[in-house]
Amino acid sequence: MPSVAFHTLGCKVNHYETEAIWQLFKEEGYERVDYDSMADVYVINTCTVTNTGDKKSRQVIRRAIRKNPDGVICVTGCYAQTSPGEIMAIPGVDVVVGTQDRRKMLSYIEEYKKERQPINGVTNIMKNRVYEELDVPAFTDRTRASLKIQEGCNNFCTFCIIPWARGLMRSRDPEEVVKQAQQLVDAGYKEIVLTGIHTGGYGEDMKDYNLAMLLRDLEQNVKGLKRIRISSIEASQLTDEVIEVIDHSNIVVRHLHVPLQSGSNTVLKRMRRKYTMEFFAERLEKLKKALPGLAVTSDVIVGFPGETEEEFMETYRFIKENKFSELHVFPYSKRTGTPAARMDDQVDEEVKNERVHRLIELSNQLAKEYASRFEDEVLEVIPEEVYDDGRYVGYTDNYLKVVFPAKEEMVGQLVKVKITKAGYPLNEGQFVRVMEDQHKASSEKAVI
């Protein structure tokens, strides 16, 4: 039985696609082994969002070549798409496939075994207008399932290389999304995370269909689905219609990740982001009216070229006023090939780091404030895994991480938990009860 080992760098979409590629290998009779063991084939799914992503990807590729010089080394993902030449130049790399044509990977491997000539299977992503269907019926992680609904992005923000790595916006056929969602629920998952490169843009390339309609269809047609989480959505995609669907939905959770990047209009303009702070604030206000208690998490880039102390303070104040529940803070890092990397007045590293720390402190403070609103409340949690001390840890619908006493058979189920002590990053809770109507189905389907 031939063996395959995987290593995934980068985002949730990459992790999703590695699972999809594994399904293709499984169908061909491969067994999956650990990346640090001997394997016949090594698949490295790369990231290129920063220059560091490229560097890490190269290190991981070399690790496999050292481990088994006779193994077939196959490189895929974003870095493979943007720089196939750089990867082909690494002695020992045998097959390169970008962010499309993954189905051809196995035939390329067979071809390589016969011919022993390296194969570059990367094609021009910008010409692709079709979503590549890849099935993922189940995940190695058994509590939260991702479901990829779109590919690519049309935004071309000045700091970002991703449209060149992923191509333009392509939505997945809604019937396929519903079918795949049902498959995941049947495999025992209660929560599905809708994911993509520009997830909230779903449907922008379709004639009479959009994200709001997809959310409605999933709720109506997927039997047994308890939670839908949207992995990320831009403020401009939070249309009145989407807000209304979320407002009336019983399964879309009270948590949205809305990337801000900067809270200063002048910086946003240099980033080529398509909204103003006024617009962003108005959308948040409308959302919070529809969903009291909503958690809004966000991404912020600090020290973008030309960012003054005043512009940084605009961002700081905006975040404080709008009470985000948690931030992912990144110091701006130059990405070769993007307009921002060529801009003058790059911000000094020390200034960047100092601003990053100020924002992280604010984020920690806001996260604690948000969590404290739910002390003594009973919330729904899906236990995910054992915590250090034998208790279990899981997330509430509004993305609070809770640790509480539970039993192994509750993993992946919906349970009611009372928050006894709010905190950040962890809240403590006590188990109240298992939710009804899921016992029978889950006991039949618990074998994942």
Protein backbone atom coordinates (compact mmCIF):
# COMPACT_ATOMS: atom_id res chain seq x y z
CA MET A 1 0.00 0.00 0.00
CA PRO A 2 1.64 3.31 -1.04
CA SER A 3 1.85 5.98 1.64
CA VAL A 4 1.36 9.76 1.51
CA ALA A 5 2.29 12.45 4.03
CA PHE A 6 0.89 16.01 4.12
CA HIS A 7 2.13 19.30 5.47
CA THR A 8 -0.14 22.35 5.33
CA LEU A 9 0.98 25.95 5.77
CA GLY A 10 -1.29 28.96 5.99
CA CYS A 11 -5.01 29.47 6.25
CA LYS A 12 -8.18 27.44 6.87
CA VAL A 13 -8.80 27.15 3.13
CA ASN A 14 -5.45 25.39 2.72
CA HIS A 15 -6.31 22.99 5.53
CA TYR A 16 -9.65 22.30 3.87
CA GLU A 17 -7.97 21.63 0.53
CA THR A 18 -5.39 19.31 2.07
CA GLU A 19 -8.30 17.19 3.36
CA ALA A 20 -9.78 17.26 -0.16
CA ILE A 21 -6.48 16.19 -1.74
CA TRP A 22 -6.21 13.41 0.86
CA GLN A 23 -9.62 12.10 -0.33
CA LEU A 24 -8.19 11.80 -3.87
CA PHE A 25 -5.21 9.78 -2.58
CA LYS A 26 -7.46 7.63 -0.40
CA GLU A 27 -9.57 6.69 -3.44
CA GLU A 28 -6.36 5.49 -5.12
CA GLY A 29 -5.54 3.19 -2.20
CA TYR A 30 -2.95 5.31 -0.35
CA GLU A 31 -2.54 5.28 3.40
CA ARG A 32 -1.84 8.54 5.22
CA VAL A 33 1.24 8.76 7.45
CA ASP A 34 2.81 11.43 9.60
CA TYR A 35 4.90 14.07 7.83
CA ASP A 36 8.01 13.22 9.79
CA SER A 37 7.92 9.55 8.86
CA MET A 38 9.01 7.74 5.70
CA ALA A 39 6.44 8.12 2.91
CA ASP A 40 6.30 7.32 -0.79
CA VAL A 41 4.76 10.70 -1.57
CA TYR A 42 5.01 14.03 0.30
CA VAL A 43 2.45 16.74 -0.44
CA ILE A 44 3.32 20.24 0.75
CA ASN A 45 0.44 22.72 0.62
CA THR A 46 2.14 26.12 0.64
CA CYS A 47 1.30 29.68 1.69
CA THR A 48 2.49 32.92 0.11
CA VAL A 49 0.57 35.59 2.02
CA THR A 50 3.89 37.02 3.32
CA ASN A 51 7.51 36.64 2.28
CA THR A 52 7.91 34.57 5.46
CA GLY A 53 5.23 32.21 4.13
CA ASP A 54 7.42 31.54 1.10
CA LYS A 55 10.46 30.95 3.26
CA LYS A 56 8.66 28.55 5.62
CA SER A 57 7.26 26.68 2.62
CA ARG A 58 10.79 26.18 1.23
CA GLN A 59 12.03 24.89 4.61
CA VAL A 60 9.20 22.34 4.81
CA ILE A 61 9.88 21.16 1.24
CA ARG A 62 13.57 20.62 2.04
CA ARG A 63 12.66 18.71 5.19
CA ALA A 64 10.77 16.11 3.11
CA ILE A 65 13.60 15.81 0.57
CA ARG A 66 16.06 15.11 3.39
CA LYS A 67 13.71 12.62 5.03
CA ASN A 68 13.24 10.50 1.91
CA PRO A 69 15.33 11.49 -1.14
CA ASP A 70 13.59 8.70 -3.12
CA GLY A 71 10.07 9.85 -2.25
CA VAL A 72 7.97 11.84 -4.73
CA ILE A 73 7.88 15.48 -3.57
CA CYS A 74 4.72 17.23 -4.70
CA VAL A 75 4.22 20.95 -3.98
CA THR A 76 0.84 22.71 -4.27
CA GLY A 77 -0.95 25.80 -2.94
CA CYS A 78 -0.48 29.54 -3.21
CA TYR A 79 3.32 29.77 -3.30
CA ALA A 80 3.35 27.04 -5.97
CA GLN A 81 0.86 29.10 -7.99
CA THR A 82 2.74 32.41 -7.84
CA SER A 83 6.35 31.12 -8.04
CA PRO A 84 6.50 27.67 -9.67
CA GLY A 85 9.97 28.48 -11.07
CA GLU A 86 11.41 29.12 -7.59
CA ILE A 87 10.03 25.81 -6.36
CA MET A 88 11.14 23.81 -9.43
CA ALA A 89 14.64 25.18 -8.80
CA ILE A 90 14.84 23.31 -5.46
CA PRO A 91 16.73 20.07 -6.22
CA GLY A 92 14.46 17.17 -5.30
CA VAL A 93 11.08 18.74 -6.11
CA ASP A 94 9.25 16.44 -8.54
CA VAL A 95 5.72 17.75 -9.14
CA VAL A 96 4.33 21.29 -8.80
CA VAL A 97 0.58 22.00 -8.99
CA GLY A 98 -0.87 25.44 -8.16
CA THR A 99 -4.26 26.31 -6.67
CA GLN A 100 -6.22 24.56 -9.41
CA ASP A 101 -6.10 21.20 -11.26
CA ARG A 102 -5.55 19.30 -7.98
CA ARG A 103 -7.28 16.28 -9.51
CA LYS A 104 -4.37 15.95 -11.92
CA MET A 105 -1.89 15.55 -9.06
CA LEU A 106 -2.15 11.76 -8.94
CA SER A 107 -1.69 11.30 -12.68
CA TYR A 108 1.32 13.67 -12.57
CA ILE A 109 2.81 11.51 -9.80
CA GLU A 110 2.32 8.34 -11.88
CA GLU A 111 3.84 10.10 -14.91
CA TYR A 112 6.81 11.22 -12.81
CA LYS A 113 7.42 7.67 -11.57
CA LYS A 114 7.65 6.47 -15.19
CA GLU A 115 9.59 9.34 -16.78
CA ARG A 116 11.58 10.61 -13.77
CA GLN A 117 11.32 14.16 -15.17
CA PRO A 118 10.07 16.98 -12.88
CA ILE A 119 6.56 18.19 -13.85
CA ASN A 120 5.33 21.77 -13.65
CA GLY A 121 1.54 21.61 -13.74
CA VAL A 122 0.90 25.27 -12.90
CA THR A 123 -1.37 27.15 -15.32
CA ASN A 124 -2.57 30.76 -15.52
CA ILE A 125 -5.03 31.22 -12.64
CA MET A 126 -6.32 34.55 -13.99
CA LYS A 127 -8.01 32.77 -16.89
CA ASN A 128 -9.98 30.46 -14.63
CA ARG A 129 -13.67 31.29 -14.16
CA VAL A 130 -14.85 27.94 -12.80
CA TYR A 131 -14.95 26.76 -9.19
CA GLU A 132 -12.98 23.51 -8.78
CA GLU A 133 -15.18 20.93 -7.07
CA LEU A 134 -13.32 18.95 -4.41
CA ASP A 135 -15.25 16.80 -1.94
CA VAL A 136 -14.52 16.65 1.77
CA PRO A 137 -16.94 14.22 3.43
CA ALA A 138 -15.20 14.33 6.83
CA PHE A 139 -12.27 15.92 8.69
CA THR A 140 -9.47 14.64 10.84
CA ASP A 141 -10.74 17.09 13.47
CA ARG A 142 -14.15 15.80 14.51
CA THR A 143 -15.97 18.78 15.97
CA ARG A 144 -16.05 21.64 13.50
CA ALA A 145 -16.27 21.12 9.78
CA SER A 146 -15.22 23.70 7.19
CA LEU A 147 -17.16 23.99 3.98
CA LYS A 148 -15.50 25.94 1.19
CA ILE A 149 -18.07 27.94 -0.77
CA GLN A 150 -15.97 30.18 -3.02
CA GLU A 151 -12.52 30.77 -4.45
CA GLY A 152 -10.54 33.86 -5.44
CA CYS A 153 -10.91 37.59 -4.83
CA ASN A 154 -11.46 40.64 -7.05
CA ASN A 155 -10.35 43.28 -4.57
CA PHE A 156 -6.62 43.76 -5.24
CA CYS A 157 -5.85 45.54 -1.95
CA THR A 158 -2.40 47.13 -2.25
CA PHE A 159 -0.83 44.95 0.49
CA CYS A 160 -2.14 41.63 -0.80
CA ILE A 161 -0.80 39.03 -3.23
CA ILE A 162 -3.73 36.64 -2.91
CA PRO A 163 -5.68 37.46 -6.12
CA TRP A 164 -2.52 36.47 -8.03
CA ALA A 165 -2.33 33.21 -6.07
CA ARG A 166 -6.02 32.36 -6.15
CA GLY A 167 -7.44 34.11 -9.18
CA LEU A 168 -10.71 35.99 -9.45
CA MET A 169 -13.93 35.41 -7.55
CA ARG A 170 -15.63 32.05 -8.33
CA SER A 171 -18.62 30.76 -6.36
CA ARG A 172 -19.42 27.13 -5.73
CA ASP A 173 -22.70 25.79 -7.10
CA PRO A 174 -25.32 26.20 -4.31
CA GLU A 175 -26.62 22.66 -4.83
CA GLU A 176 -23.12 21.31 -4.24
CA VAL A 177 -22.78 23.41 -1.08
CA VAL A 178 -26.07 22.07 0.32
CA LYS A 179 -25.18 18.49 -0.66
CA GLN A 180 -21.76 18.72 0.97
CA ALA A 181 -23.27 20.31 4.10
CA GLN A 182 -25.73 17.44 4.45
CA GLN A 183 -22.87 14.96 4.03
CA LEU A 184 -20.99 16.65 6.88
CA VAL A 185 -24.03 16.68 9.18
CA ASP A 186 -24.62 13.01 8.38
CA ALA A 187 -21.01 12.36 9.40
CA GLY A 188 -21.86 13.77 12.84
CA TYR A 189 -20.89 17.45 12.65
CA LYS A 190 -23.22 19.94 14.37
CA GLU A 191 -21.36 23.09 13.27
CA ILE A 192 -20.23 24.07 9.81
CA VAL A 193 -17.87 26.97 9.12
CA LEU A 194 -18.42 28.50 5.69
CA THR A 195 -15.03 29.39 4.35
CA GLY A 196 -13.28 30.71 1.24
CA ILE A 197 -10.71 33.22 0.09
CA HIS A 198 -13.28 36.02 0.12
CA THR A 199 -16.16 34.13 1.75
CA GLY A 200 -18.66 36.99 2.01
CA GLY A 201 -18.30 37.64 -1.72
CA TYR A 202 -20.18 34.42 -2.44
CA GLY A 203 -22.59 34.87 -5.35
CA GLU A 204 -21.11 38.13 -6.66
CA ASP A 205 -20.27 36.28 -9.88
CA MET A 206 -23.75 34.74 -10.17
CA LYS A 207 -26.80 36.17 -11.83
CA ASP A 208 -29.69 35.60 -9.43
CA TYR A 209 -28.14 34.16 -6.32
CA ASN A 210 -26.23 35.51 -3.31
CA LEU A 211 -24.92 34.75 0.18
CA ALA A 212 -28.21 35.59 1.89
CA MET A 213 -30.01 33.05 -0.30
CA LEU A 214 -27.35 30.42 0.38
CA LEU A 215 -27.73 30.89 4.15
CA ARG A 216 -31.51 30.49 3.77
CA ASP A 217 -31.13 27.38 1.63
CA LEU A 218 -28.71 25.75 4.06
CA GLU A 219 -31.06 26.37 6.98
CA GLN A 220 -34.11 25.06 5.12
CA ASN A 221 -32.58 22.08 3.36
CA VAL A 222 -29.85 20.63 5.58
CA LYS A 223 -31.47 18.32 8.12
CA GLY A 224 -29.84 18.28 11.55
CA LEU A 225 -27.52 21.28 11.08
CA LYS A 226 -27.28 23.20 14.37
CA ARG A 227 -24.78 25.97 13.66
CA ILE A 228 -23.51 27.93 10.70
CA ARG A 229 -20.48 30.16 11.21
CA ILE A 230 -19.27 32.51 8.47
CA SER A 231 -15.47 32.45 8.60
CA SER A 232 -15.07 36.04 7.39
CA ILE A 233 -17.20 38.72 5.74
CA GLU A 234 -16.35 42.22 4.51
CA ALA A 235 -18.40 45.18 5.77
CA SER A 236 -19.52 45.89 2.19
CA GLN A 237 -20.95 42.35 1.98
CA LEU A 238 -23.06 42.81 5.11
CA THR A 239 -26.05 43.88 3.03
CA ASP A 240 -29.43 44.59 4.61
CA GLU A 241 -30.56 41.27 3.17
CA VAL A 242 -27.71 39.32 4.82
CA ILE A 243 -28.37 41.07 8.14
CA GLU A 244 -32.06 40.23 7.87
CA VAL A 245 -31.34 36.54 7.19
CA ILE A 246 -28.96 36.37 10.16
CA ASP A 247 -31.57 38.15 12.30
CA HIS A 248 -34.26 35.56 11.48
CA SER A 249 -32.01 32.52 11.42
CA ASN A 250 -31.99 29.93 14.19
CA ILE A 251 -28.61 28.51 13.26
CA VAL A 252 -26.33 31.34 12.05
CA VAL A 253 -24.26 32.03 15.18
CA ARG A 254 -23.86 35.36 17.01
CA HIS A 255 -20.30 35.80 15.83
CA LEU A 256 -18.93 37.50 12.73
CA HIS A 257 -15.38 38.12 11.66
CA VAL A 258 -15.34 41.43 9.79
CA PRO A 259 -11.85 42.49 8.62
CA LEU A 260 -11.16 46.13 9.40
CA GLN A 261 -7.41 46.38 8.48
CA SER A 262 -7.40 50.07 9.51
CA GLY A 263 -9.70 52.52 11.25
CA SER A 264 -8.39 55.53 9.34
CA ASN A 265 -9.99 56.64 6.07
CA THR A 266 -6.69 57.92 4.67
CA VAL A 267 -4.94 54.59 5.34
CA LEU A 268 -7.91 52.64 3.94
CA LYS A 269 -7.59 54.63 0.74
CA ARG A 270 -3.90 53.76 0.42
CA MET A 271 -4.79 50.13 1.08
CA ARG A 272 -7.42 50.34 -1.65
CA ARG A 273 -10.09 49.03 0.73
CA LYS A 274 -13.58 49.74 -0.55
CA TYR A 275 -15.28 51.35 2.48
CA THR A 276 -15.03 54.27 4.86
CA MET A 277 -15.07 54.14 8.66
CA GLU A 278 -18.48 55.83 8.65
CA PHE A 279 -19.90 53.04 6.48
CA PHE A 280 -18.24 50.33 8.60
CA ALA A 281 -19.63 51.82 11.83
CA GLU A 282 -23.12 52.06 10.35
CA ARG A 283 -23.08 48.37 9.31
CA LEU A 284 -21.90 47.31 12.79
CA GLU A 285 -24.64 49.33 14.44
CA LYS A 286 -27.29 47.72 12.24
CA LEU A 287 -25.88 44.25 12.94
CA LYS A 288 -25.79 44.70 16.70
CA LYS A 289 -29.39 45.90 16.68
CA ALA A 290 -30.41 42.74 14.84
CA LEU A 291 -28.27 40.50 17.03
CA PRO A 292 -27.94 41.65 20.63
CA GLY A 293 -24.80 40.17 22.20
CA LEU A 294 -23.11 39.70 18.82
CA ALA A 295 -19.35 39.06 18.92
CA VAL A 296 -17.46 40.90 16.21
CA THR A 297 -13.84 39.85 15.73
CA SER A 298 -11.52 41.51 13.24
CA ASP A 299 -8.10 41.75 11.56
CA VAL A 300 -5.98 44.89 11.77
CA ILE A 301 -2.74 45.74 9.97
CA VAL A 302 -0.56 48.11 11.95
CA GLY A 303 2.20 50.27 10.47
CA PHE A 304 1.01 50.29 6.87
CA PRO A 305 3.32 52.50 4.74
CA GLY A 306 2.86 56.15 5.70
CA GLU A 307 0.79 55.42 8.84
CA THR A 308 1.21 58.42 11.17
CA GLU A 309 0.65 58.35 14.93
CA GLU A 310 -2.60 60.26 14.32
CA GLU A 311 -3.83 57.70 11.78
CA PHE A 312 -2.94 54.91 14.19
CA MET A 313 -4.90 56.67 16.94
CA GLU A 314 -7.93 56.92 14.64
CA THR A 315 -7.79 53.13 14.33
CA TYR A 316 -7.32 52.73 18.09
CA ARG A 317 -10.30 54.96 18.91
CA PHE A 318 -12.51 53.34 16.29
CA ILE A 319 -11.86 49.88 17.74
CA LYS A 320 -12.46 51.08 21.28
CA GLU A 321 -15.72 52.85 20.40
CA ASN A 322 -17.09 49.94 18.40
CA LYS A 323 -16.20 47.37 21.04
CA PHE A 324 -14.82 44.54 18.93
CA SER A 325 -14.71 41.32 20.94
CA GLU A 326 -11.23 40.26 19.80
CA LEU A 327 -8.61 41.35 17.27
CA HIS A 328 -5.97 39.63 15.19
CA VAL A 329 -3.23 42.26 15.02
CA PHE A 330 -0.51 42.06 12.35
CA PRO A 331 2.46 44.37 11.86
CA TYR A 332 2.52 45.32 8.17
CA SER A 333 5.04 43.18 6.34
CA LYS A 334 6.26 43.87 2.80
CA ARG A 335 4.98 41.39 0.27
CA THR A 336 7.20 41.41 -2.82
CA GLY A 337 5.12 42.08 -5.91
CA THR A 338 2.45 44.24 -4.24
CA PRO A 339 2.05 48.02 -4.67
CA ALA A 340 2.42 48.63 -0.92
CA ALA A 341 5.89 47.05 -0.89
CA ARG A 342 7.00 49.75 -3.35
CA MET A 343 5.47 52.65 -1.41
CA ASP A 344 7.72 55.28 0.15
CA ASP A 345 7.67 56.07 3.88
CA GLN A 346 7.70 52.49 5.17
CA VAL A 347 7.14 52.60 8.93
CA ASP A 348 10.04 51.84 11.25
CA GLU A 349 9.94 48.29 12.77
CA GLU A 350 10.18 49.59 16.35
CA VAL A 351 7.27 51.97 15.82
CA LYS A 352 5.25 49.12 14.28
CA ASN A 353 5.93 46.78 17.18
CA GLU A 354 5.10 49.38 19.77
CA ARG A 355 1.75 50.07 18.04
CA VAL A 356 1.04 46.35 17.74
CA HIS A 357 1.48 45.98 21.51
CA ARG A 358 -0.86 48.88 22.23
CA LEU A 359 -3.54 47.31 20.05
CA ILE A 360 -3.09 43.84 21.54
CA GLU A 361 -3.54 45.32 25.02
CA LEU A 362 -6.73 47.02 23.86
CA SER A 363 -7.92 43.78 22.28
CA ASN A 364 -7.32 41.84 25.53
CA GLN A 365 -9.23 44.46 27.49
CA LEU A 366 -12.18 44.44 25.04
CA ALA A 367 -12.21 40.62 25.01
CA LYS A 368 -12.46 40.54 28.82
CA GLU A 369 -15.24 43.15 28.78
CA TYR A 370 -17.17 41.20 26.17
CA ALA A 371 -16.83 37.89 28.03
CA SER A 372 -17.89 39.45 31.35
CA ARG A 373 -21.30 40.28 29.85
CA PHE A 374 -22.06 36.57 29.81
CA GLU A 375 -21.03 35.63 33.35
CA ASP A 376 -23.82 33.55 34.97
CA GLU A 377 -25.55 33.05 31.62
CA VAL A 378 -26.29 29.63 30.17
CA LEU A 379 -24.85 29.26 26.66
CA GLU A 380 -24.59 26.45 24.11
CA VAL A 381 -21.16 24.88 23.71
CA ILE A 382 -19.75 22.11 21.52
CA PRO A 383 -17.01 20.36 23.54
CA GLU A 384 -13.99 19.81 21.29
CA GLU A 385 -11.20 18.15 23.24
CA VAL A 386 -9.76 17.43 26.67
CA TYR A 387 -8.12 20.39 28.41
CA ASP A 388 -4.90 19.92 30.47
CA ASP A 389 -6.73 19.17 33.72
CA GLY A 390 -9.22 16.61 32.39
CA ARG A 391 -12.02 19.09 31.84
CA TYR A 392 -13.17 19.75 28.27
CA VAL A 393 -12.86 22.85 26.15
CA GLY A 394 -15.17 24.16 23.42
CA TYR A 395 -16.71 27.28 21.90
CA THR A 396 -20.05 28.97 22.49
CA ASP A 397 -22.05 30.22 19.52
CA ASN A 398 -20.61 33.70 20.16
CA TYR A 399 -17.06 32.35 20.14
CA LEU A 400 -16.22 32.37 23.82
CA LYS A 401 -13.77 29.62 24.69
CA VAL A 402 -15.08 27.71 27.70
CA VAL A 403 -13.52 25.00 29.85
CA PHE A 404 -15.91 22.84 31.92
CA PRO A 405 -16.35 19.31 33.28
CA ALA A 406 -17.77 16.99 30.59
CA LYS A 407 -17.65 13.42 29.37
CA GLU A 408 -15.96 11.97 26.30
CA GLU A 409 -19.30 11.13 24.66
CA MET A 410 -20.29 14.82 24.73
CA VAL A 411 -17.50 15.75 22.31
CA GLY A 412 -19.06 17.16 19.14
CA GLN A 413 -22.53 17.43 20.76
CA LEU A 414 -24.37 20.62 21.69
CA VAL A 415 -24.51 21.07 25.45
CA LYS A 416 -25.80 23.82 27.74
CA VAL A 417 -23.11 25.33 29.95
CA LYS A 418 -23.39 28.04 32.58
CA ILE A 419 -20.51 30.53 32.52
CA THR A 420 -19.35 30.63 36.16
CA LYS A 421 -16.24 32.75 35.68
CA ALA A 422 -15.71 34.97 32.67
CA GLY A 423 -12.17 35.65 31.46
CA TYR A 424 -9.89 35.80 28.46
CA PRO A 425 -8.68 33.71 26.70
CA LEU A 426 -10.60 31.15 28.79
CA ASN A 427 -13.96 31.20 30.55
CA GLU A 428 -14.91 28.63 33.15
CA GLY A 429 -18.28 26.96 33.10
CA GLN A 430 -20.40 24.27 34.62
CA PHE A 431 -22.25 21.65 32.64
CA VAL A 432 -26.05 22.07 32.71
CA ARG A 433 -27.43 19.50 30.26
CA VAL A 434 -27.12 17.94 26.82
CA MET A 435 -29.45 19.49 24.24
CA GLU A 436 -32.45 17.37 23.23
CA ASP A 437 -33.18 15.68 19.91
CA GLN A 438 -29.62 14.85 19.03
CA HIS A 439 -29.02 11.65 21.01
CA LYS A 440 -30.41 9.07 18.67
CA ALA A 441 -28.91 10.51 15.51
CA SER A 442 -25.53 11.15 17.08
CA SER A 443 -25.17 7.73 18.64
CA GLU A 444 -25.68 6.18 15.21
CA LYS A 445 -23.31 8.61 13.58
CA ALA A 446 -20.73 8.98 16.29
CA VAL A 447 -18.24 6.79 14.49
CA ILE A 448 -16.36 9.36 12.44
